[in-house]
Amino acid sequence: MEFDFARSVLPLAAIVAVAAVALTSVMTASTVFMMVLPSMIVFSVVAFFLGMKHGEFRASP
């Protein structure tokens, strides 16, 4: 299966969104959206970039 940018980022964005909404049941919404969500976004971008580069390295002959 060929992955392009949209097919790769869309599930990641959905996971982050579901996790942020689910956390509002445990923490206050202002804490989640002001502190937790930005750190989740930064971590997911860094992990996505590192995973993409590792996949490119593994795929190269």
Protein backbone atom coordinates (compact mmCIF):
# COMPACT_ATOMS: atom_id res chain seq x y z
CA MET A 1 0.00 0.00 0.00
CA GLU A 2 1.36 3.39 -0.96
CA PHE A 3 1.20 6.01 1.78
CA ASP A 4 1.05 9.64 0.83
CA PHE A 5 1.05 12.57 3.24
CA ALA A 6 -2.74 12.71 3.72
CA ARG A 7 -3.09 8.97 4.35
CA SER A 8 -0.34 9.14 6.94
CA VAL A 9 -1.31 12.30 8.81
CA LEU A 10 -5.08 11.80 8.91
CA PRO A 11 -5.05 8.78 11.29
CA LEU A 12 -2.44 10.51 13.44
CA ALA A 13 -4.59 13.63 13.72
CA ALA A 14 -7.63 11.51 14.53
CA ILE A 15 -5.78 9.70 17.33
CA VAL A 16 -4.59 12.99 18.84
CA ALA A 17 -8.10 14.48 18.62
CA VAL A 18 -9.77 11.47 20.24
CA ALA A 19 -7.15 11.39 23.00
CA ALA A 20 -7.58 15.10 23.72
CA VAL A 21 -11.35 14.80 23.93
CA ALA A 22 -11.08 11.69 26.12
CA LEU A 23 -8.74 13.49 28.50
CA THR A 24 -11.37 16.16 29.15
CA SER A 25 -13.30 13.57 31.15
CA VAL A 26 -10.39 13.31 33.59
CA MET A 27 -8.90 16.82 33.52
CA THR A 28 -10.38 20.27 33.03
CA ALA A 29 -10.84 21.28 29.42
CA SER A 30 -8.72 24.40 29.77
CA THR A 31 -5.78 22.35 31.05
CA VAL A 32 -6.10 19.82 28.25
CA PHE A 33 -6.41 22.34 25.43
CA MET A 34 -3.83 24.82 26.72
CA MET A 35 -1.12 22.46 28.01
CA VAL A 36 -1.63 18.83 27.00
CA LEU A 37 -2.82 19.20 23.40
CA PRO A 38 0.11 21.36 22.21
CA SER A 39 2.61 18.90 23.69
CA MET A 40 0.75 15.99 22.06
CA ILE A 41 0.92 17.75 18.71
CA VAL A 42 4.64 18.51 19.02
CA PHE A 43 5.41 14.94 20.07
CA SER A 44 3.36 13.46 17.24
CA VAL A 45 5.09 15.67 14.67
CA VAL A 46 8.55 14.72 15.97
CA ALA A 47 7.67 11.01 16.15
CA PHE A 48 6.12 11.11 12.65
CA PHE A 49 9.21 12.79 11.19
CA LEU A 50 11.61 10.36 12.88
CA GLY A 51 9.52 7.37 11.81
CA MET A 52 9.34 8.61 8.26
CA LYS A 53 13.11 9.10 8.08
CA HIS A 54 13.71 5.66 9.60
CA GLY A 55 11.37 4.10 7.04
CA GLU A 56 13.20 5.84 4.22
CA PHE A 57 16.50 4.57 5.60
CA ARG A 58 15.21 1.00 5.88
CA ALA A 59 13.73 1.10 2.38
CA SER A 60 16.91 2.27 0.70
CA PRO A 61 19.11 -0.50 -0.70
